[in-house]
Amino acid sequence: MLKLIKWLVIITLSFIVFCNVWIVGSTHSGIIEDSRELLGAEVGLVFGTSQHQVNGESNPFFKHRVQSAKQLLLSGKVERLILSGSKDSIYYDEAEAMKAALVDQGIAPEALILDKYGNRTLESVARLRDVYGYDQCILITQEYHAYRCLFIAEKMGLHAQCYIAKTPDKKAHLWALLRELLARTKAVMDLYILSDVTN
């Protein structure tokens, strides 16, 4: 029994490592830090996150994604933004929160498309293609998340680049970075084993 458990642990860890190496290795060329290197697209997809942290303070991930999205819109790299996030109640609506932040910074509401059913990264990308009808886009998120976003988009047949927003201090958000290791593994399983969303 102990040998079986040992081998299960080894296989599981090996699969996690394999998935992460595959995702990062196959997408790194599409991860863009300098907006001048972006080819440009009709639409940018901004992935939602909570506006506030558990302690009530503002969430730097949210702030930096909004700032990056605004930059791309004002520089003409995208014409419109799809703000995709989850909505648990009238009190928690990631897409509306992003819209409010962008409008407060002078962005016209007409340039913003709200997708309130982006409960997962995979769903946000699938809805970009299947609901809104885009096959080319610029994805906007932090670097740790960018590789998975681009991997999913490419598997779904989208022509995409990912513009990375500033990542807050990694030591202070280590849990989010570690969780991403498992999320990448789940993405491989969703796309190649469990799901028909790419059809």
N, C-alpha and C. Protein backbone atom coordinates (compact mmCIF):
# COMPACT_ATOMS: atom_id res chain seq x y z
N MET A 1 0.82 -1.20 0.00
CA MET A 1 0.00 0.00 0.00
C MET A 1 0.87 1.27 0.00
N LEU A 2 1.93 1.25 0.82
CA LEU A 2 2.81 2.41 0.87
C LEU A 2 3.50 2.64 -0.46
N LYS A 3 3.88 1.53 -1.13
CA LYS A 3 4.51 1.65 -2.44
C LYS A 3 3.53 2.26 -3.45
N LEU A 4 2.28 1.82 -3.38
CA LEU A 4 1.25 2.33 -4.28
C LEU A 4 1.05 3.83 -4.07
N ILE A 5 0.95 4.23 -2.80
CA ILE A 5 0.78 5.65 -2.49
C ILE A 5 1.98 6.45 -2.99
N LYS A 6 3.17 5.91 -2.78
CA LYS A 6 4.39 6.58 -3.23
C LYS A 6 4.38 6.81 -4.73
N TRP A 7 3.99 5.78 -5.49
CA TRP A 7 3.96 5.90 -6.95
C TRP A 7 2.86 6.84 -7.42
N LEU A 8 1.74 6.83 -6.73
CA LEU A 8 0.67 7.77 -7.07
C LEU A 8 1.11 9.21 -6.87
N VAL A 9 1.84 9.44 -5.77
CA VAL A 9 2.35 10.78 -5.49
C VAL A 9 3.36 11.19 -6.56
N ILE A 10 4.25 10.28 -6.91
CA ILE A 10 5.27 10.58 -7.93
C ILE A 10 4.62 10.87 -9.28
N ILE A 11 3.65 10.06 -9.66
CA ILE A 11 2.96 10.25 -10.93
C ILE A 11 2.20 11.57 -10.96
N THR A 12 1.53 11.87 -9.85
CA THR A 12 0.76 13.12 -9.77
C THR A 12 1.66 14.34 -9.88
N LEU A 13 2.75 14.33 -9.11
CA LEU A 13 3.68 15.46 -9.16
C LEU A 13 4.33 15.58 -10.54
N SER A 14 4.63 14.46 -11.15
CA SER A 14 5.24 14.48 -12.48
C SER A 14 4.27 15.06 -13.50
N PHE A 15 3.00 14.73 -13.37
CA PHE A 15 2.00 15.25 -14.29
C PHE A 15 1.83 16.75 -14.12
N ILE A 16 1.86 17.22 -12.87
CA ILE A 16 1.75 18.66 -12.61
C ILE A 16 2.93 19.40 -13.23
N VAL A 17 4.13 18.85 -13.04
CA VAL A 17 5.32 19.46 -13.62
C VAL A 17 5.23 19.46 -15.14
N PHE A 18 4.82 18.34 -15.71
CA PHE A 18 4.69 18.23 -17.18
C PHE A 18 3.73 19.28 -17.72
N CYS A 19 2.58 19.42 -17.09
CA CYS A 19 1.56 20.38 -17.57
C CYS A 19 2.08 21.81 -17.50
N ASN A 20 2.77 22.15 -16.43
CA ASN A 20 3.28 23.50 -16.27
C ASN A 20 4.39 23.80 -17.27
N VAL A 21 5.30 22.84 -17.47
CA VAL A 21 6.37 23.04 -18.45
C VAL A 21 5.79 23.18 -19.85
N TRP A 22 4.81 22.35 -20.16
CA TRP A 22 4.17 22.40 -21.48
C TRP A 22 3.50 23.75 -21.72
N ILE A 23 2.70 24.20 -20.76
CA ILE A 23 1.96 25.45 -20.94
C ILE A 23 2.89 26.64 -21.05
N VAL A 24 3.84 26.75 -20.14
CA VAL A 24 4.76 27.89 -20.17
C VAL A 24 5.65 27.84 -21.41
N GLY A 25 6.16 26.66 -21.71
CA GLY A 25 7.07 26.52 -22.84
C GLY A 25 6.42 26.80 -24.18
N SER A 26 5.15 26.46 -24.32
CA SER A 26 4.47 26.61 -25.61
C SER A 26 3.85 27.98 -25.82
N THR A 27 3.82 28.81 -24.78
CA THR A 27 3.12 30.10 -24.91
C THR A 27 4.00 31.32 -24.64
N HIS A 28 5.22 31.12 -24.18
CA HIS A 28 6.01 32.25 -23.68
C HIS A 28 6.25 33.32 -24.75
N SER A 29 6.29 32.91 -26.02
CA SER A 29 6.55 33.90 -27.07
C SER A 29 5.37 34.84 -27.29
N GLY A 30 4.20 34.45 -26.82
CA GLY A 30 3.02 35.30 -26.97
C GLY A 30 2.72 36.15 -25.77
N ILE A 31 3.59 36.09 -24.75
CA ILE A 31 3.41 36.90 -23.54
C ILE A 31 4.19 38.20 -23.74
N ILE A 32 3.48 39.32 -23.77
CA ILE A 32 4.07 40.60 -24.13
C ILE A 32 4.05 41.56 -22.94
N GLU A 33 5.22 42.11 -22.64
CA GLU A 33 5.33 43.07 -21.53
C GLU A 33 5.31 44.52 -22.02
N ASP A 34 5.85 44.76 -23.22
CA ASP A 34 5.89 46.10 -23.81
C ASP A 34 4.75 46.23 -24.81
N SER A 35 3.81 47.12 -24.55
CA SER A 35 2.62 47.23 -25.41
C SER A 35 2.97 47.59 -26.85
N ARG A 36 4.13 48.18 -27.07
CA ARG A 36 4.53 48.54 -28.43
C ARG A 36 4.79 47.31 -29.29
N GLU A 37 4.99 46.17 -28.65
CA GLU A 37 5.25 44.94 -29.39
C GLU A 37 3.96 44.20 -29.77
N LEU A 38 2.84 44.68 -29.28
CA LEU A 38 1.56 44.04 -29.60
C LEU A 38 1.16 44.33 -31.04
N LEU A 39 0.57 43.32 -31.69
CA LEU A 39 0.12 43.50 -33.06
C LEU A 39 -1.16 44.32 -33.12
N GLY A 40 -1.92 44.31 -32.05
CA GLY A 40 -3.20 45.01 -32.03
C GLY A 40 -4.33 44.07 -32.41
N ALA A 41 -5.53 44.35 -31.93
CA ALA A 41 -6.70 43.53 -32.22
C ALA A 41 -7.94 44.39 -32.01
N GLU A 42 -9.05 43.91 -32.55
CA GLU A 42 -10.30 44.66 -32.38
C GLU A 42 -10.72 44.71 -30.92
N VAL A 43 -10.44 43.64 -30.20
CA VAL A 43 -10.96 43.55 -28.84
C VAL A 43 -9.89 43.04 -27.88
N GLY A 44 -9.97 43.53 -26.65
CA GLY A 44 -9.14 43.03 -25.56
C GLY A 44 -10.03 42.34 -24.54
N LEU A 45 -9.57 41.22 -24.01
CA LEU A 45 -10.33 40.48 -22.99
C LEU A 45 -9.65 40.66 -21.65
N VAL A 46 -10.35 41.27 -20.71
CA VAL A 46 -9.82 41.51 -19.37
C VAL A 46 -10.42 40.48 -18.42
N PHE A 47 -9.58 39.71 -17.76
CA PHE A 47 -10.06 38.66 -16.85
C PHE A 47 -10.35 39.27 -15.48
N GLY A 48 -11.52 38.94 -14.97
CA GLY A 48 -11.96 39.53 -13.72
C GLY A 48 -11.29 38.95 -12.50
N THR A 49 -11.25 39.75 -11.47
CA THR A 49 -10.80 39.33 -10.14
C THR A 49 -11.47 40.25 -9.15
N SER A 50 -11.46 39.90 -7.90
CA SER A 50 -12.14 40.71 -6.90
C SER A 50 -11.51 42.10 -6.77
N GLN A 51 -12.35 43.09 -6.57
CA GLN A 51 -11.87 44.45 -6.40
C GLN A 51 -11.19 44.65 -5.05
N HIS A 52 -11.54 43.80 -4.09
CA HIS A 52 -11.00 43.93 -2.73
C HIS A 52 -10.42 42.60 -2.25
N GLN A 53 -9.44 42.68 -1.39
CA GLN A 53 -8.88 41.50 -0.75
C GLN A 53 -9.75 41.10 0.44
N VAL A 54 -9.44 39.95 1.01
CA VAL A 54 -10.23 39.44 2.14
C VAL A 54 -10.23 40.43 3.30
N ASN A 55 -9.11 41.15 3.49
CA ASN A 55 -9.02 42.10 4.60
C ASN A 55 -9.69 43.44 4.30
N GLY A 56 -10.31 43.54 3.13
CA GLY A 56 -11.03 44.77 2.78
C GLY A 56 -10.22 45.78 2.00
N GLU A 57 -8.92 45.59 1.93
CA GLU A 57 -8.08 46.51 1.18
C GLU A 57 -8.26 46.30 -0.32
N SER A 58 -7.91 47.30 -1.12
CA SER A 58 -8.04 47.18 -2.56
C SER A 58 -7.11 46.09 -3.08
N ASN A 59 -7.54 45.41 -4.11
CA ASN A 59 -6.78 44.29 -4.68
C ASN A 59 -5.85 44.83 -5.77
N PRO A 60 -4.54 44.72 -5.60
CA PRO A 60 -3.62 45.25 -6.60
C PRO A 60 -3.71 44.53 -7.94
N PHE A 61 -4.13 43.27 -7.95
CA PHE A 61 -4.30 42.55 -9.21
C PHE A 61 -5.39 43.23 -10.04
N PHE A 62 -6.49 43.56 -9.40
CA PHE A 62 -7.59 44.25 -10.06
C PHE A 62 -7.13 45.61 -10.58
N LYS A 63 -6.48 46.37 -9.74
CA LYS A 63 -6.03 47.72 -10.10
C LYS A 63 -5.12 47.70 -11.32
N HIS A 64 -4.16 46.79 -11.36
CA HIS A 64 -3.20 46.76 -12.45
C HIS A 64 -3.82 46.24 -13.75
N ARG A 65 -4.78 45.33 -13.66
CA ARG A 65 -5.45 44.87 -14.88
C ARG A 65 -6.26 46.00 -15.50
N VAL A 66 -6.93 46.76 -14.66
CA VAL A 66 -7.72 47.89 -15.16
C VAL A 66 -6.81 48.93 -15.81
N GLN A 67 -5.69 49.22 -15.18
CA GLN A 67 -4.76 50.20 -15.73
C GLN A 67 -4.20 49.74 -17.08
N SER A 68 -3.87 48.48 -17.19
CA SER A 68 -3.34 47.95 -18.45
C SER A 68 -4.39 47.96 -19.55
N ALA A 69 -5.61 47.61 -19.19
CA ALA A 69 -6.70 47.64 -20.17
C ALA A 69 -6.94 49.06 -20.67
N LYS A 70 -6.93 50.01 -19.77
CA LYS A 70 -7.09 51.41 -20.15
C LYS A 70 -5.98 51.85 -21.10
N GLN A 71 -4.76 51.45 -20.80
CA GLN A 71 -3.62 51.82 -21.63
C GLN A 71 -3.77 51.32 -23.05
N LEU A 72 -4.20 50.07 -23.21
CA LEU A 72 -4.35 49.50 -24.55
C LEU A 72 -5.46 50.19 -25.32
N LEU A 73 -6.52 50.54 -24.63
CA LEU A 73 -7.63 51.22 -25.29
C LEU A 73 -7.23 52.61 -25.75
N LEU A 74 -6.58 53.36 -24.89
CA LEU A 74 -6.19 54.72 -25.22
C LEU A 74 -5.09 54.78 -26.28
N SER A 75 -4.25 53.74 -26.31
CA SER A 75 -3.17 53.72 -27.30
C SER A 75 -3.61 53.19 -28.66
N GLY A 76 -4.85 52.72 -28.73
CA GLY A 76 -5.37 52.21 -29.98
C GLY A 76 -5.01 50.78 -30.30
N LYS A 77 -4.42 50.07 -29.35
CA LYS A 77 -4.08 48.67 -29.58
C LYS A 77 -5.33 47.79 -29.64
N VAL A 78 -6.39 48.22 -28.96
CA VAL A 78 -7.69 47.55 -29.07
C VAL A 78 -8.75 48.63 -29.24
N GLU A 79 -9.87 48.24 -29.84
CA GLU A 79 -10.98 49.18 -30.04
C GLU A 79 -12.01 49.08 -28.94
N ARG A 80 -12.15 47.88 -28.38
CA ARG A 80 -13.14 47.65 -27.33
C ARG A 80 -12.55 46.69 -26.31
N LEU A 81 -13.18 46.65 -25.15
CA LEU A 81 -12.76 45.74 -24.09
C LEU A 81 -13.93 44.86 -23.68
N ILE A 82 -13.69 43.58 -23.57
CA ILE A 82 -14.66 42.68 -22.95
C ILE A 82 -14.21 42.46 -21.52
N LEU A 83 -15.04 42.83 -20.58
CA LEU A 83 -14.74 42.69 -19.15
C LEU A 83 -15.45 41.44 -18.67
N SER A 84 -14.68 40.39 -18.43
CA SER A 84 -15.27 39.09 -18.14
C SER A 84 -14.96 38.66 -16.71
N GLY A 85 -16.01 38.38 -15.96
CA GLY A 85 -15.81 37.96 -14.58
C GLY A 85 -17.07 37.32 -14.03
N SER A 86 -17.00 36.90 -12.81
CA SER A 86 -18.13 36.21 -12.18
C SER A 86 -19.04 37.21 -11.48
N LYS A 87 -20.28 36.78 -11.32
CA LYS A 87 -21.26 37.58 -10.59
C LYS A 87 -21.97 36.66 -9.62
N ASP A 88 -21.64 36.78 -8.35
CA ASP A 88 -22.26 35.93 -7.34
C ASP A 88 -23.56 36.52 -6.81
N SER A 89 -23.65 37.85 -6.83
CA SER A 89 -24.84 38.52 -6.32
C SER A 89 -24.80 39.98 -6.77
N ILE A 90 -25.79 40.75 -6.35
CA ILE A 90 -25.79 42.18 -6.69
C ILE A 90 -24.65 42.90 -5.98
N TYR A 91 -24.06 42.24 -4.98
CA TYR A 91 -22.98 42.86 -4.22
C TYR A 91 -21.60 42.45 -4.73
N TYR A 92 -21.55 41.42 -5.60
CA TYR A 92 -20.26 40.97 -6.13
C TYR A 92 -20.41 40.74 -7.62
N ASP A 93 -19.87 41.65 -8.40
CA ASP A 93 -20.00 41.61 -9.85
C ASP A 93 -18.68 42.14 -10.43
N GLU A 94 -17.79 41.22 -10.82
CA GLU A 94 -16.45 41.61 -11.26
C GLU A 94 -16.48 42.48 -12.52
N ALA A 95 -17.36 42.14 -13.46
CA ALA A 95 -17.43 42.91 -14.70
C ALA A 95 -17.90 44.33 -14.44
N GLU A 96 -18.91 44.48 -13.61
CA GLU A 96 -19.41 45.82 -13.27
C GLU A 96 -18.37 46.63 -12.53
N ALA A 97 -17.62 45.97 -11.65
CA ALA A 97 -16.57 46.66 -10.90
C ALA A 97 -15.49 47.18 -11.84
N MET A 98 -15.11 46.37 -12.83
CA MET A 98 -14.11 46.83 -13.80
C MET A 98 -14.65 47.98 -14.64
N LYS A 99 -15.90 47.87 -15.03
CA LYS A 99 -16.51 48.95 -15.81
C LYS A 99 -16.52 50.25 -15.02
N ALA A 100 -16.93 50.18 -13.77
CA ALA A 100 -16.99 51.39 -12.93
C ALA A 100 -15.61 52.02 -12.79
N ALA A 101 -14.59 51.19 -12.60
CA ALA A 101 -13.23 51.71 -12.45
C ALA A 101 -12.74 52.37 -13.73
N LEU A 102 -13.05 51.79 -14.87
CA LEU A 102 -12.61 52.35 -16.15
C LEU A 102 -13.37 53.63 -16.49
N VAL A 103 -14.65 53.64 -16.24
CA VAL A 103 -15.45 54.84 -16.50
C VAL A 103 -14.99 55.99 -15.60
N ASP A 104 -14.66 55.67 -14.36
CA ASP A 104 -14.14 56.69 -13.44
C ASP A 104 -12.84 57.30 -13.96
N GLN A 105 -12.12 56.53 -14.77
CA GLN A 105 -10.85 57.01 -15.32
C GLN A 105 -11.00 57.59 -16.72
N GLY A 106 -12.25 57.83 -17.11
CA GLY A 106 -12.50 58.54 -18.36
C GLY A 106 -12.77 57.69 -19.58
N ILE A 107 -12.91 56.38 -19.41
CA ILE A 107 -13.19 55.50 -20.55
C ILE A 107 -14.69 55.53 -20.85
N ALA A 108 -15.04 55.67 -22.12
CA ALA A 108 -16.44 55.73 -22.54
C ALA A 108 -17.11 54.36 -22.34
N PRO A 109 -18.29 54.32 -21.75
CA PRO A 109 -18.99 53.04 -21.53
C PRO A 109 -19.25 52.28 -22.83
N GLU A 110 -19.37 53.00 -23.95
CA GLU A 110 -19.65 52.33 -25.22
C GLU A 110 -18.50 51.44 -25.67
N ALA A 111 -17.32 51.66 -25.13
CA ALA A 111 -16.15 50.86 -25.51
C ALA A 111 -16.04 49.59 -24.67
N LEU A 112 -16.99 49.38 -23.75
CA LEU A 112 -16.90 48.28 -22.80
C LEU A 112 -18.04 47.29 -22.99
N ILE A 113 -17.69 46.01 -23.09
CA ILE A 113 -18.67 44.93 -23.18
C ILE A 113 -18.59 44.13 -21.89
N LEU A 114 -19.72 43.96 -21.23
CA LEU A 114 -19.72 43.24 -19.96
C LEU A 114 -20.12 41.79 -20.15
N ASP A 115 -19.25 40.90 -19.73
CA ASP A 115 -19.52 39.46 -19.74
C ASP A 115 -19.57 39.01 -18.28
N LYS A 116 -20.77 38.78 -17.79
CA LYS A 116 -20.95 38.45 -16.38
C LYS A 116 -21.00 36.95 -16.12
N TYR A 117 -20.64 36.17 -17.13
CA TYR A 117 -20.67 34.71 -16.98
C TYR A 117 -19.29 34.10 -17.12
N GLY A 118 -18.26 34.91 -16.94
CA GLY A 118 -16.90 34.40 -17.01
C GLY A 118 -16.44 33.89 -15.66
N ASN A 119 -17.04 32.81 -15.22
CA ASN A 119 -16.75 32.28 -13.89
C ASN A 119 -15.40 31.59 -13.81
N ARG A 120 -14.89 31.17 -14.96
CA ARG A 120 -13.58 30.53 -15.04
C ARG A 120 -12.85 31.08 -16.25
N THR A 121 -11.54 30.97 -16.23
CA THR A 121 -10.74 31.43 -17.37
C THR A 121 -11.19 30.75 -18.65
N LEU A 122 -11.39 29.44 -18.60
CA LEU A 122 -11.81 28.69 -19.77
C LEU A 122 -13.14 29.21 -20.30
N GLU A 123 -14.07 29.52 -19.41
CA GLU A 123 -15.38 30.01 -19.83
C GLU A 123 -15.28 31.40 -20.45
N SER A 124 -14.43 32.24 -19.90
CA SER A 124 -14.25 33.59 -20.45
C SER A 124 -13.74 33.52 -21.89
N VAL A 125 -12.75 32.66 -22.13
CA VAL A 125 -12.18 32.54 -23.47
C VAL A 125 -13.19 31.90 -24.42
N ALA A 126 -13.90 30.88 -23.96
CA ALA A 126 -14.89 30.22 -24.80
C ALA A 126 -16.01 31.18 -25.19
N ARG A 127 -16.44 32.02 -24.27
CA ARG A 127 -17.51 32.97 -24.56
C ARG A 127 -17.03 34.07 -25.50
N LEU A 128 -15.77 34.45 -25.40
CA LEU A 128 -15.21 35.41 -26.34
C LEU A 128 -15.39 34.90 -27.77
N ARG A 129 -15.13 33.62 -27.97
CA ARG A 129 -15.24 33.01 -29.30
C ARG A 129 -16.68 32.70 -29.67
N ASP A 130 -17.41 32.04 -28.78
CA ASP A 130 -18.70 31.47 -29.14
C ASP A 130 -19.87 32.43 -28.96
N VAL A 131 -19.79 33.32 -28.00
CA VAL A 131 -20.89 34.26 -27.75
C VAL A 131 -20.67 35.59 -28.47
N TYR A 132 -19.45 36.10 -28.39
CA TYR A 132 -19.17 37.41 -28.96
C TYR A 132 -18.57 37.34 -30.37
N GLY A 133 -18.18 36.16 -30.79
CA GLY A 133 -17.79 35.94 -32.17
C GLY A 133 -16.42 36.44 -32.58
N TYR A 134 -15.49 36.55 -31.64
CA TYR A 134 -14.14 37.01 -31.97
C TYR A 134 -13.19 35.82 -32.11
N ASP A 135 -12.32 35.91 -33.10
CA ASP A 135 -11.29 34.87 -33.24
C ASP A 135 -9.88 35.46 -33.12
N GLN A 136 -9.81 36.74 -32.77
CA GLN A 136 -8.53 37.40 -32.54
C GLN A 136 -8.70 38.34 -31.36
N CYS A 137 -7.69 38.41 -30.50
CA CYS A 137 -7.85 39.24 -29.31
C CYS A 137 -6.50 39.47 -28.62
N ILE A 138 -6.52 40.41 -27.69
CA ILE A 138 -5.42 40.59 -26.76
C ILE A 138 -5.96 40.27 -25.37
N LEU A 139 -5.32 39.36 -24.69
CA LEU A 139 -5.71 38.97 -23.34
C LEU A 139 -4.97 39.85 -22.35
N ILE A 140 -5.63 40.21 -21.26
CA ILE A 140 -5.03 41.13 -20.29
C ILE A 140 -5.14 40.53 -18.89
N THR A 141 -3.99 40.25 -18.31
CA THR A 141 -3.94 39.69 -16.97
C THR A 141 -2.50 39.74 -16.47
N GLN A 142 -2.25 39.19 -15.27
CA GLN A 142 -0.88 39.13 -14.76
C GLN A 142 -0.11 37.98 -15.39
N GLU A 143 1.23 38.06 -15.30
CA GLU A 143 2.07 37.08 -16.00
C GLU A 143 1.80 35.65 -15.54
N TYR A 144 1.67 35.42 -14.24
CA TYR A 144 1.51 34.06 -13.74
C TYR A 144 0.26 33.40 -14.34
N HIS A 145 -0.76 34.20 -14.63
CA HIS A 145 -2.03 33.73 -15.18
C HIS A 145 -2.01 33.71 -16.71
N ALA A 146 -1.13 34.52 -17.30
CA ALA A 146 -1.12 34.75 -18.74
C ALA A 146 -0.85 33.48 -19.54
N TYR A 147 0.07 32.64 -19.06
CA TYR A 147 0.43 31.43 -19.81
C TYR A 147 -0.77 30.51 -19.99
N ARG A 148 -1.54 30.34 -18.94
CA ARG A 148 -2.72 29.47 -19.02
C ARG A 148 -3.78 30.08 -19.94
N CYS A 149 -3.98 31.39 -19.84
CA CYS A 149 -4.96 32.07 -20.69
C CYS A 149 -4.62 31.88 -22.16
N LEU A 150 -3.37 32.08 -22.49
CA LEU A 150 -2.95 31.98 -23.88
C LEU A 150 -3.00 30.52 -24.37
N PHE A 151 -2.64 29.60 -23.50
CA PHE A 151 -2.71 28.18 -23.84
C PHE A 151 -4.14 27.78 -24.20
N ILE A 152 -5.09 28.22 -23.39
CA ILE A 152 -6.50 27.92 -23.65
C ILE A 152 -6.96 28.57 -24.95
N ALA A 153 -6.60 29.84 -25.14
CA ALA A 153 -7.02 30.56 -26.34
C ALA A 153 -6.48 29.88 -27.61
N GLU A 154 -5.22 29.49 -27.58
CA GLU A 154 -4.62 28.85 -28.76
C GLU A 154 -5.27 27.50 -29.03
N LYS A 155 -5.57 26.75 -27.98
CA LYS A 155 -6.23 25.46 -28.16
C LYS A 155 -7.61 25.64 -28.77
N MET A 156 -8.26 26.75 -28.49
CA MET A 156 -9.59 27.03 -29.03
C MET A 156 -9.54 27.67 -30.41
N GLY A 157 -8.34 27.80 -30.95
CA GLY A 157 -8.22 28.31 -32.30
C GLY A 157 -8.20 29.82 -32.44
N LEU A 158 -7.98 30.53 -31.34
CA LEU A 158 -7.94 31.99 -31.39
C LEU A 158 -6.54 32.48 -31.72
N HIS A 159 -6.47 33.59 -32.43
CA HIS A 159 -5.21 34.27 -32.66
C HIS A 159 -5.07 35.30 -31.54
N ALA A 160 -4.17 35.05 -30.62
CA ALA A 160 -4.12 35.88 -29.42
C ALA A 160 -2.69 36.17 -28.98
N GLN A 161 -2.55 37.32 -28.33
CA GLN A 161 -1.36 37.66 -27.56
C GLN A 161 -1.85 38.01 -26.16
N CYS A 162 -0.96 37.96 -25.20
CA CYS A 162 -1.35 38.31 -23.84
C CYS A 162 -0.47 39.45 -23.34
N TYR A 163 -1.12 40.56 -23.01
CA TYR A 163 -0.41 41.71 -22.46
C TYR A 163 -0.45 41.61 -20.95
N ILE A 164 0.72 41.57 -20.35
CA ILE A 164 0.76 41.32 -18.91
C ILE A 164 0.70 42.62 -18.10
N ALA A 165 -0.22 42.62 -17.16
CA ALA A 165 -0.31 43.71 -16.21
C ALA A 165 0.75 43.51 -15.12
N LYS A 166 1.05 44.56 -14.42
CA LYS A 166 2.04 44.49 -13.35
C LYS A 166 1.59 43.47 -12.30
N THR A 167 2.54 42.63 -11.88
CA THR A 167 2.25 41.63 -10.86
C THR A 167 2.68 42.17 -9.49
N PRO A 168 1.76 42.17 -8.52
CA PRO A 168 2.13 42.62 -7.18
C PRO A 168 3.24 41.76 -6.59
N ASP A 169 3.78 42.19 -5.49
CA ASP A 169 4.88 41.49 -4.83
C ASP A 169 4.58 40.00 -4.70
N LYS A 170 5.44 39.18 -5.31
CA LYS A 170 5.17 37.75 -5.38
C LYS A 170 5.18 37.08 -4.00
N LYS A 171 6.03 37.54 -3.11
CA LYS A 171 6.09 36.93 -1.78
C LYS A 171 4.79 37.14 -1.02
N ALA A 172 4.15 38.29 -1.25
CA ALA A 172 2.91 38.60 -0.54
C ALA A 172 1.72 37.84 -1.11
N HIS A 173 1.87 37.31 -2.32
CA HIS A 173 0.76 36.61 -2.97
C HIS A 173 1.21 35.22 -3.42
N LEU A 174 2.02 34.57 -2.59
CA LEU A 174 2.59 33.28 -2.95
C LEU A 174 1.51 32.23 -3.17
N TRP A 175 0.44 32.30 -2.38
CA TRP A 175 -0.62 31.31 -2.50
C TRP A 175 -1.26 31.35 -3.89
N ALA A 176 -1.48 32.55 -4.44
CA ALA A 176 -2.07 32.67 -5.77
C ALA A 176 -1.16 32.05 -6.83
N LEU A 177 0.13 32.23 -6.66
CA LEU A 177 1.09 31.68 -7.61
C LEU A 177 1.14 30.15 -7.52
N LEU A 178 1.10 29.63 -6.31
CA LEU A 178 1.11 28.18 -6.13
C LEU A 178 -0.18 27.55 -6.66
N ARG A 179 -1.29 28.22 -6.43
CA ARG A 179 -2.58 27.71 -6.91
C ARG A 179 -2.60 27.63 -8.44
N GLU A 180 -1.88 28.54 -9.08
CA GLU A 180 -1.83 28.53 -10.54
C GLU A 180 -1.18 27.26 -11.09
N LEU A 181 -0.25 26.69 -10.34
CA LEU A 181 0.37 25.43 -10.77
C LEU A 181 -0.67 24.34 -10.96
N LEU A 182 -1.63 24.28 -10.04
CA LEU A 182 -2.71 23.30 -10.13
C LEU A 182 -3.72 23.69 -11.19
N ALA A 183 -3.97 25.00 -11.33
CA ALA A 183 -4.93 25.47 -12.32
C ALA A 183 -4.46 25.14 -13.74
N ARG A 184 -3.17 25.22 -13.97
CA ARG A 184 -2.64 24.85 -15.30
C ARG A 184 -2.85 23.36 -15.56
N THR A 185 -2.66 22.56 -14.55
CA THR A 185 -2.88 21.12 -14.69
C THR A 185 -4.34 20.84 -15.01
N LYS A 186 -5.22 21.54 -14.33
CA LYS A 186 -6.66 21.36 -14.58
C LYS A 186 -7.02 21.80 -15.98
N ALA A 187 -6.37 22.85 -16.48
CA ALA A 187 -6.64 23.33 -17.84
C ALA A 187 -6.31 22.25 -18.87
N VAL A 188 -5.20 21.55 -18.68
CA VAL A 188 -4.84 20.47 -19.60
C VAL A 188 -5.89 19.38 -19.55
N MET A 189 -6.33 19.03 -18.37
CA MET A 189 -7.36 17.99 -18.23
C MET A 189 -8.67 18.43 -18.86
N ASP A 190 -9.06 19.69 -18.64
CA ASP A 190 -10.30 20.20 -19.22
C ASP A 190 -10.26 20.17 -20.74
N LEU A 191 -9.14 20.60 -21.30
CA LEU A 191 -9.05 20.74 -22.75
C LEU A 191 -8.82 19.43 -23.49
N TYR A 192 -8.12 18.49 -22.85
CA TYR A 192 -7.74 17.28 -23.55
C TYR A 192 -8.40 16.01 -23.05
N ILE A 193 -9.02 16.07 -21.86
CA ILE A 193 -9.58 14.85 -21.29
C ILE A 193 -11.08 14.99 -20.99
N LEU A 194 -11.46 16.08 -20.33
CA LEU A 194 -12.81 16.17 -19.77
C LEU A 194 -13.81 16.94 -20.62
N SER A 195 -13.35 17.87 -21.44
CA SER A 195 -14.27 18.84 -22.02
C SER A 195 -14.30 18.78 -23.53
N ASP A 196 -15.45 19.20 -24.12
CA ASP A 196 -15.57 19.32 -25.58
C ASP A 196 -15.71 20.80 -25.96
N VAL A 197 -15.26 21.70 -25.08
CA VAL A 197 -15.45 23.11 -25.30
C VAL A 197 -14.67 23.61 -26.51
N THR A 198 -13.65 22.89 -26.94
CA THR A 198 -12.84 23.33 -28.08
C THR A 198 -13.47 22.98 -29.42
N ASN A 199 -14.55 22.20 -29.42
CA ASN A 199 -15.16 21.79 -30.68
C ASN A 199 -15.90 22.95 -31.35
